[in-house]
């Protein structure tokens, strides 16, 4: 059986806000960590956010404390959270700046609202 290959260490931001779709937030976080990426969960503030089904996710950093040059990519989970994220100018700017730098920008379900 071949050894599992690991991704070259990448630093990926995952945006979070209340009412994110639980699996769309947690699944990428867990799989990226499993692949060897450094994952930073970013919310409006460093706080605990509840998913649509009540699963909590704690932000590691606030949107005001990060910059696009810190990350190789960003993921925007779906649920109702993107409706809140798209009104947060700093979150929209982070996504746009990562895109402009040629970084990975991914969104799930309602996540494109932020794009």
N, C-alpha and C. Protein backbone atom coordinates (compact mmCIF):
# COMPACT_ATOMS: atom_id res chain seq x y z
N UNK A 1 0.85 -1.17 0.00
CA UNK A 1 0.00 0.00 0.00
C UNK A 1 0.89 1.24 0.00
N UNK A 2 0.61 2.19 -0.89
CA UNK A 2 1.43 3.40 -1.01
C UNK A 2 1.19 4.32 0.17
N UNK A 3 2.26 5.03 0.53
CA UNK A 3 2.15 6.01 1.61
C UNK A 3 1.27 7.17 1.17
N UNK A 4 0.53 7.69 2.10
CA UNK A 4 -0.35 8.82 1.81
C UNK A 4 0.49 10.07 1.62
N UNK A 5 0.29 10.79 0.52
CA UNK A 5 1.06 12.00 0.28
C UNK A 5 0.45 13.16 1.07
N UNK A 6 1.31 14.04 1.50
CA UNK A 6 0.88 15.22 2.25
C UNK A 6 1.03 16.45 1.38
N UNK A 7 0.10 17.37 1.53
CA UNK A 7 0.16 18.63 0.82
C UNK A 7 1.32 19.45 1.35
N UNK A 8 2.03 20.16 0.47
CA UNK A 8 3.03 21.11 0.93
C UNK A 8 2.30 22.05 1.87
N UNK A 9 2.89 22.32 3.01
CA UNK A 9 2.23 23.12 4.04
C UNK A 9 1.68 24.42 3.47
N UNK A 10 0.40 24.57 3.51
CA UNK A 10 -0.30 25.77 3.06
C UNK A 10 -1.08 26.32 4.25
N UNK A 11 -1.27 27.62 4.24
CA UNK A 11 -2.04 28.26 5.30
C UNK A 11 -3.36 28.73 4.68
N UNK A 12 -4.45 28.16 5.19
CA UNK A 12 -5.77 28.40 4.62
C UNK A 12 -6.69 29.04 5.66
N UNK A 13 -7.36 30.11 5.26
CA UNK A 13 -8.36 30.77 6.10
C UNK A 13 -9.72 30.14 5.84
N UNK A 14 -10.48 29.93 6.90
CA UNK A 14 -11.87 29.50 6.78
C UNK A 14 -12.70 30.55 7.50
N UNK A 15 -13.60 31.20 6.76
CA UNK A 15 -14.44 32.23 7.37
C UNK A 15 -15.61 31.60 8.11
N UNK A 16 -15.98 32.22 9.22
CA UNK A 16 -17.05 31.66 10.04
C UNK A 16 -17.93 32.79 10.57
N UNK A 17 -19.19 32.48 10.73
CA UNK A 17 -20.18 33.41 11.28
C UNK A 17 -21.32 32.53 11.77
N UNK A 18 -22.17 33.05 12.63
CA UNK A 18 -23.30 32.26 13.12
C UNK A 18 -24.17 31.76 11.98
N UNK A 19 -24.71 30.58 12.18
CA UNK A 19 -25.59 29.89 11.25
C UNK A 19 -24.90 29.38 9.99
N UNK A 20 -23.57 29.10 10.13
CA UNK A 20 -22.89 28.42 9.03
C UNK A 20 -23.46 27.00 8.92
N UNK A 21 -23.36 26.41 7.76
CA UNK A 21 -23.79 25.02 7.60
C UNK A 21 -22.71 24.15 8.24
N UNK A 22 -23.07 23.43 9.29
CA UNK A 22 -22.12 22.71 10.13
C UNK A 22 -21.11 21.87 9.35
N UNK A 23 -21.59 21.01 8.47
CA UNK A 23 -20.69 20.14 7.71
C UNK A 23 -19.83 20.92 6.71
N UNK A 24 -20.37 22.00 6.18
CA UNK A 24 -19.62 22.79 5.21
C UNK A 24 -18.51 23.61 5.88
N UNK A 25 -18.63 23.79 7.17
CA UNK A 25 -17.56 24.43 7.93
C UNK A 25 -16.54 23.41 8.42
N UNK A 26 -17.03 22.37 9.08
CA UNK A 26 -16.12 21.42 9.70
C UNK A 26 -15.42 20.48 8.72
N UNK A 27 -16.11 20.01 7.69
CA UNK A 27 -15.49 19.05 6.78
C UNK A 27 -14.21 19.60 6.13
N UNK A 28 -14.25 20.80 5.54
CA UNK A 28 -13.00 21.34 4.98
C UNK A 28 -11.91 21.54 6.02
N UNK A 29 -12.29 22.01 7.20
CA UNK A 29 -11.29 22.22 8.26
C UNK A 29 -10.58 20.91 8.59
N UNK A 30 -11.34 19.86 8.82
CA UNK A 30 -10.75 18.58 9.19
C UNK A 30 -9.93 17.97 8.05
N UNK A 31 -10.44 18.02 6.82
CA UNK A 31 -9.71 17.44 5.69
C UNK A 31 -8.43 18.21 5.38
N UNK A 32 -8.49 19.54 5.48
CA UNK A 32 -7.28 20.34 5.23
C UNK A 32 -6.21 20.06 6.28
N UNK A 33 -6.61 19.96 7.53
CA UNK A 33 -5.66 19.63 8.60
C UNK A 33 -5.07 18.25 8.36
N UNK A 34 -5.91 17.30 7.96
CA UNK A 34 -5.47 15.95 7.68
C UNK A 34 -4.43 15.95 6.54
N UNK A 35 -4.58 16.86 5.59
CA UNK A 35 -3.67 16.96 4.46
C UNK A 35 -2.40 17.74 4.79
N UNK A 36 -2.30 18.23 6.03
CA UNK A 36 -1.09 18.93 6.45
C UNK A 36 -1.14 20.44 6.34
N UNK A 37 -2.29 20.99 6.02
CA UNK A 37 -2.42 22.45 5.93
C UNK A 37 -2.58 23.06 7.33
N UNK A 38 -2.15 24.30 7.45
CA UNK A 38 -2.44 25.08 8.65
C UNK A 38 -3.75 25.80 8.38
N UNK A 39 -4.73 25.59 9.23
CA UNK A 39 -6.05 26.19 9.04
C UNK A 39 -6.28 27.22 10.13
N UNK A 40 -6.72 28.40 9.70
CA UNK A 40 -7.05 29.47 10.64
C UNK A 40 -8.51 29.82 10.43
N UNK A 41 -9.31 29.64 11.47
CA UNK A 41 -10.73 29.96 11.41
C UNK A 41 -10.89 31.42 11.79
N UNK A 42 -11.53 32.19 10.92
CA UNK A 42 -11.62 33.63 11.10
C UNK A 42 -13.08 34.05 11.19
N UNK A 43 -13.41 34.75 12.26
CA UNK A 43 -14.75 35.29 12.45
C UNK A 43 -14.69 36.79 12.59
N UNK A 44 -15.83 37.43 12.74
CA UNK A 44 -15.83 38.86 12.98
C UNK A 44 -15.03 39.21 14.24
N UNK A 45 -15.09 38.34 15.21
CA UNK A 45 -14.34 38.46 16.47
C UNK A 45 -13.84 37.07 16.85
N UNK A 46 -12.90 37.00 17.78
CA UNK A 46 -12.50 35.70 18.33
C UNK A 46 -13.61 35.32 19.29
N UNK A 47 -14.44 34.38 18.86
CA UNK A 47 -15.62 33.97 19.64
C UNK A 47 -16.06 32.61 19.14
N UNK A 48 -17.06 32.05 19.80
CA UNK A 48 -17.64 30.79 19.36
C UNK A 48 -18.88 31.10 18.52
N UNK A 49 -18.97 30.45 17.37
CA UNK A 49 -20.09 30.63 16.46
C UNK A 49 -20.84 29.32 16.34
N UNK A 50 -22.16 29.40 16.28
CA UNK A 50 -23.00 28.20 16.21
C UNK A 50 -23.44 27.95 14.77
N UNK A 51 -23.36 26.69 14.38
CA UNK A 51 -23.84 26.29 13.07
C UNK A 51 -25.36 26.21 13.05
N UNK A 52 -25.92 25.99 11.87
CA UNK A 52 -27.37 25.87 11.71
C UNK A 52 -27.94 24.76 12.57
N UNK A 53 -27.14 23.71 12.82
CA UNK A 53 -27.60 22.57 13.60
C UNK A 53 -27.02 22.59 15.02
N UNK A 54 -26.45 23.73 15.40
CA UNK A 54 -25.98 23.91 16.77
C UNK A 54 -24.55 23.52 17.05
N UNK A 55 -23.81 23.05 16.04
CA UNK A 55 -22.42 22.65 16.27
C UNK A 55 -21.55 23.91 16.37
N UNK A 56 -20.81 24.05 17.46
CA UNK A 56 -19.99 25.25 17.63
C UNK A 56 -18.66 25.17 16.89
N UNK A 57 -18.16 26.32 16.49
CA UNK A 57 -16.83 26.45 15.90
C UNK A 57 -16.25 27.74 16.46
N UNK A 58 -15.05 27.65 17.02
CA UNK A 58 -14.42 28.82 17.62
C UNK A 58 -13.46 29.45 16.62
N UNK A 59 -13.58 30.76 16.48
CA UNK A 59 -12.66 31.50 15.61
C UNK A 59 -11.30 31.60 16.29
N UNK A 60 -10.24 31.34 15.51
CA UNK A 60 -8.87 31.49 16.00
C UNK A 60 -8.42 32.94 15.95
N UNK A 61 -9.02 33.70 15.04
CA UNK A 61 -8.61 35.09 14.84
C UNK A 61 -9.82 35.91 14.42
N UNK A 62 -9.73 37.22 14.67
CA UNK A 62 -10.77 38.13 14.20
C UNK A 62 -10.37 38.64 12.82
N UNK A 63 -11.34 39.01 12.03
CA UNK A 63 -11.08 39.48 10.69
C UNK A 63 -10.19 40.73 10.70
N UNK A 64 -10.26 41.52 11.75
CA UNK A 64 -9.46 42.74 11.84
C UNK A 64 -7.99 42.46 12.13
N UNK A 65 -7.67 41.24 12.54
CA UNK A 65 -6.29 40.93 12.93
C UNK A 65 -5.50 40.18 11.87
N UNK A 66 -6.10 39.95 10.69
CA UNK A 66 -5.42 39.17 9.65
C UNK A 66 -5.29 39.99 8.37
N UNK A 67 -4.38 39.53 7.50
CA UNK A 67 -4.25 40.15 6.19
C UNK A 67 -4.09 39.06 5.13
N UNK A 68 -4.47 39.38 3.92
CA UNK A 68 -4.47 38.40 2.84
C UNK A 68 -3.10 37.77 2.62
N UNK A 69 -2.05 38.53 2.79
CA UNK A 69 -0.71 38.01 2.53
C UNK A 69 -0.31 36.90 3.51
N UNK A 70 -1.09 36.72 4.57
CA UNK A 70 -0.83 35.65 5.54
C UNK A 70 -1.30 34.28 5.04
N UNK A 71 -2.10 34.26 3.95
CA UNK A 71 -2.79 33.03 3.56
C UNK A 71 -2.54 32.64 2.10
N UNK A 72 -2.58 31.33 1.87
CA UNK A 72 -2.48 30.78 0.52
C UNK A 72 -3.87 30.61 -0.10
N UNK A 73 -4.90 30.65 0.74
CA UNK A 73 -6.25 30.48 0.24
C UNK A 73 -7.28 30.75 1.31
N UNK A 74 -8.54 30.77 0.89
CA UNK A 74 -9.66 31.02 1.80
C UNK A 74 -10.84 30.16 1.37
N UNK A 75 -11.59 29.68 2.35
CA UNK A 75 -12.81 28.91 2.10
C UNK A 75 -13.97 29.61 2.80
N UNK A 76 -15.08 29.73 2.08
CA UNK A 76 -16.29 30.33 2.63
C UNK A 76 -17.37 29.25 2.67
N UNK A 77 -17.68 28.72 3.87
CA UNK A 77 -18.74 27.72 3.98
C UNK A 77 -20.10 28.36 3.74
N UNK A 78 -21.09 27.52 3.46
CA UNK A 78 -22.44 28.01 3.22
C UNK A 78 -23.28 28.07 4.47
N UNK A 79 -24.57 27.91 4.28
CA UNK A 79 -25.54 28.10 5.35
C UNK A 79 -26.08 29.51 5.25
N UNK A 80 -26.53 30.04 6.37
CA UNK A 80 -27.02 31.43 6.39
C UNK A 80 -25.89 32.41 6.70
N UNK A 81 -24.74 31.90 7.12
CA UNK A 81 -23.61 32.75 7.50
C UNK A 81 -23.15 33.69 6.38
N UNK A 82 -23.06 33.24 5.12
CA UNK A 82 -22.59 34.14 4.08
C UNK A 82 -23.44 35.40 3.92
N UNK A 83 -24.72 35.32 4.28
CA UNK A 83 -25.57 36.50 4.21
C UNK A 83 -25.07 37.57 5.18
N UNK A 84 -24.52 37.14 6.31
CA UNK A 84 -23.93 38.07 7.28
C UNK A 84 -22.53 38.49 6.84
N UNK A 85 -21.75 37.51 6.35
CA UNK A 85 -20.37 37.79 5.94
C UNK A 85 -20.30 38.83 4.83
N UNK A 86 -21.25 38.78 3.89
CA UNK A 86 -21.18 39.69 2.74
C UNK A 86 -21.42 41.14 3.13
N UNK A 87 -21.95 41.38 4.33
CA UNK A 87 -22.12 42.75 4.80
C UNK A 87 -20.94 43.21 5.65
N UNK A 88 -19.97 42.32 5.85
CA UNK A 88 -18.77 42.64 6.60
C UNK A 88 -17.67 43.01 5.60
N UNK A 89 -17.42 44.30 5.46
CA UNK A 89 -16.47 44.78 4.44
C UNK A 89 -15.09 44.14 4.58
N UNK A 90 -14.64 43.90 5.80
CA UNK A 90 -13.31 43.30 6.01
C UNK A 90 -13.27 41.86 5.51
N UNK A 91 -14.35 41.11 5.68
CA UNK A 91 -14.38 39.73 5.19
C UNK A 91 -14.38 39.71 3.66
N UNK A 92 -15.17 40.57 3.06
CA UNK A 92 -15.22 40.65 1.60
C UNK A 92 -13.85 41.06 1.05
N UNK A 93 -13.20 42.01 1.71
CA UNK A 93 -11.88 42.47 1.27
C UNK A 93 -10.84 41.36 1.38
N UNK A 94 -10.87 40.58 2.45
CA UNK A 94 -9.92 39.48 2.60
C UNK A 94 -10.04 38.50 1.43
N UNK A 95 -11.26 38.12 1.10
CA UNK A 95 -11.50 37.19 0.00
C UNK A 95 -11.00 37.81 -1.32
N UNK A 96 -11.36 39.06 -1.58
CA UNK A 96 -10.95 39.72 -2.82
C UNK A 96 -9.43 39.84 -2.91
N UNK A 97 -8.79 40.18 -1.79
CA UNK A 97 -7.33 40.35 -1.81
C UNK A 97 -6.60 39.02 -2.02
N UNK A 98 -7.12 37.94 -1.44
CA UNK A 98 -6.51 36.62 -1.67
C UNK A 98 -6.66 36.24 -3.14
N UNK A 99 -7.83 36.52 -3.72
CA UNK A 99 -8.05 36.24 -5.13
C UNK A 99 -7.09 37.04 -6.01
N UNK A 100 -6.95 38.33 -5.72
CA UNK A 100 -6.07 39.20 -6.50
C UNK A 100 -4.62 38.74 -6.44
N UNK A 101 -4.22 38.12 -5.34
CA UNK A 101 -2.86 37.60 -5.18
C UNK A 101 -2.68 36.25 -5.88
N UNK A 102 -3.75 35.70 -6.42
CA UNK A 102 -3.67 34.40 -7.09
C UNK A 102 -3.85 33.23 -6.15
N UNK A 103 -4.36 33.49 -4.96
CA UNK A 103 -4.58 32.43 -3.98
C UNK A 103 -5.86 31.65 -4.29
N UNK A 104 -5.99 30.52 -3.61
CA UNK A 104 -7.17 29.68 -3.73
C UNK A 104 -8.36 30.38 -3.07
N UNK A 105 -9.46 30.47 -3.79
CA UNK A 105 -10.71 30.98 -3.22
C UNK A 105 -11.77 29.94 -3.50
N UNK A 106 -12.34 29.39 -2.43
CA UNK A 106 -13.35 28.35 -2.58
C UNK A 106 -14.57 28.73 -1.76
N UNK A 107 -15.73 28.38 -2.26
CA UNK A 107 -16.96 28.65 -1.52
C UNK A 107 -17.90 27.46 -1.71
N UNK A 108 -18.73 27.26 -0.72
CA UNK A 108 -19.66 26.12 -0.72
C UNK A 108 -21.07 26.65 -0.59
N UNK A 109 -21.98 26.11 -1.38
CA UNK A 109 -23.40 26.41 -1.31
C UNK A 109 -23.67 27.91 -1.42
N UNK A 110 -24.08 28.58 -0.34
CA UNK A 110 -24.35 30.02 -0.35
C UNK A 110 -23.09 30.88 -0.19
N UNK A 111 -21.94 30.24 -0.06
CA UNK A 111 -20.68 30.96 0.09
C UNK A 111 -20.39 31.98 -0.99
N UNK A 112 -20.79 31.75 -2.27
CA UNK A 112 -20.50 32.74 -3.31
C UNK A 112 -21.10 34.12 -3.05
N UNK A 113 -22.05 34.22 -2.13
CA UNK A 113 -22.57 35.55 -1.78
C UNK A 113 -21.43 36.47 -1.35
N UNK A 114 -20.41 35.91 -0.74
CA UNK A 114 -19.28 36.71 -0.25
C UNK A 114 -18.36 37.10 -1.41
N UNK A 115 -18.35 36.31 -2.47
CA UNK A 115 -17.48 36.59 -3.59
C UNK A 115 -17.97 37.78 -4.39
